[in-house]
Amino acid sequence: MKDSFPFVRVKGSRYAMGRQHGEIVADRIRRFIDIILKGTKMGREEAGQRAMRFLPLFERFSPGLVEEVRGLADGANIPFEEAL
């Protein structure tokens, strides 16, 4: 199945797990972002700005998730704002 959902096994710190995840499925992540943006009238910059409005809440209530998203962004070679 070409489009089946991949099972990704990672280990390490939250950042390291996110980075490994991003590296393994980078193309899927980029395509997913493209699909989301296609369904809106926003460009990448506006979507990133809107996502960043939630960063203080995420940092307060789920700082580990923020570290994982930072790693995912680095692994997929996309801006943090897009990953968020």
Protein backbone atom coordinates (compact mmCIF):
# COMPACT_ATOMS: atom_id res chain seq x y z
CA MET A 1 0.00 0.00 0.00
CA LYS A 2 1.70 3.15 -1.19
CA ASP A 3 -0.44 5.54 0.87
CA SER A 4 -0.63 3.53 4.08
CA PHE A 5 0.18 5.31 7.32
CA PRO A 6 3.84 4.64 8.20
CA PHE A 7 4.89 3.24 11.54
CA VAL A 8 7.90 5.20 12.76
CA ARG A 9 10.06 3.98 15.63
CA VAL A 10 12.22 6.61 17.33
CA LYS A 11 14.09 6.99 20.61
CA GLY A 12 15.94 9.58 22.63
CA SER A 13 15.04 13.00 23.97
CA ARG A 14 11.86 14.71 22.83
CA TYR A 15 13.89 16.81 20.38
CA ALA A 16 15.79 13.75 19.10
CA MET A 17 12.56 11.79 18.58
CA GLY A 18 11.02 14.70 16.67
CA ARG A 19 14.12 15.06 14.53
CA GLN A 20 14.18 11.36 13.66
CA HIS A 21 10.46 11.46 12.85
CA GLY A 22 10.97 14.52 10.64
CA GLU A 23 13.88 12.94 8.78
CA ILE A 24 12.02 9.67 8.16
CA VAL A 25 8.79 11.18 6.80
CA ALA A 26 9.94 14.62 5.61
CA ASP A 27 8.17 14.32 2.25
CA ARG A 28 4.88 13.35 3.89
CA ILE A 29 5.14 16.26 6.32
CA ARG A 30 5.72 18.74 3.50
CA ARG A 31 2.82 17.31 1.48
CA PHE A 32 0.54 17.46 4.53
CA ILE A 33 1.35 21.14 5.05
CA ASP A 34 0.64 21.80 1.36
CA ILE A 35 -2.73 20.04 1.66
CA ILE A 36 -3.68 22.06 4.73
CA LEU A 37 -2.71 25.35 3.10
CA LYS A 38 -4.57 24.47 -0.10
CA GLY A 39 -7.76 24.25 1.94
CA THR A 40 -7.32 27.80 3.27
CA LYS A 41 -6.83 31.21 1.75
CA MET A 42 -3.65 31.69 3.79
CA GLY A 43 -0.10 31.64 2.59
CA ARG A 44 2.74 29.99 4.50
CA GLU A 45 3.74 33.22 6.24
CA GLU A 46 0.26 33.99 7.58
CA ALA A 47 -0.30 30.38 8.65
CA GLY A 48 3.03 30.41 10.49
CA GLN A 49 2.17 33.66 12.24
CA ARG A 50 -1.17 32.27 13.34
CA ALA A 51 0.42 29.07 14.61
CA MET A 52 2.97 31.04 16.62
CA ARG A 53 0.16 32.72 18.56
CA PHE A 54 -0.36 29.37 20.30
CA LEU A 55 3.30 28.84 21.17
CA PRO A 56 3.08 30.40 24.67
CA LEU A 57 0.22 28.04 25.56
CA PHE A 58 2.05 25.02 24.19
CA GLU A 59 5.22 26.01 26.07
CA ARG A 60 3.26 26.40 29.28
CA PHE A 61 1.14 23.26 29.11
CA SER A 62 3.22 20.91 26.96
CA PRO A 63 6.87 21.98 26.73
CA GLY A 64 7.95 18.48 25.72
CA LEU A 65 5.67 18.66 22.69
CA VAL A 66 7.29 21.96 21.68
CA GLU A 67 10.72 20.32 21.79
CA GLU A 68 9.44 17.44 19.69
CA VAL A 69 8.01 19.85 17.12
CA ARG A 70 11.34 21.73 17.03
CA GLY A 71 13.07 18.45 16.26
CA LEU A 72 10.46 17.53 13.66
CA ALA A 73 10.97 20.87 11.91
CA ASP A 74 14.74 20.43 11.88
CA GLY A 75 14.49 16.83 10.71
CA ALA A 76 12.08 17.67 7.89
CA ASN A 77 14.05 20.84 7.07
CA ILE A 78 11.01 23.10 7.40
CA PRO A 79 10.50 26.26 9.47
CA PHE A 80 9.40 25.71 13.06
CA GLU A 81 6.30 27.82 12.41
CA GLU A 82 5.16 25.42 9.67
CA ALA A 83 5.71 22.40 11.87
CA LEU A 84 3.78 23.99 14.70
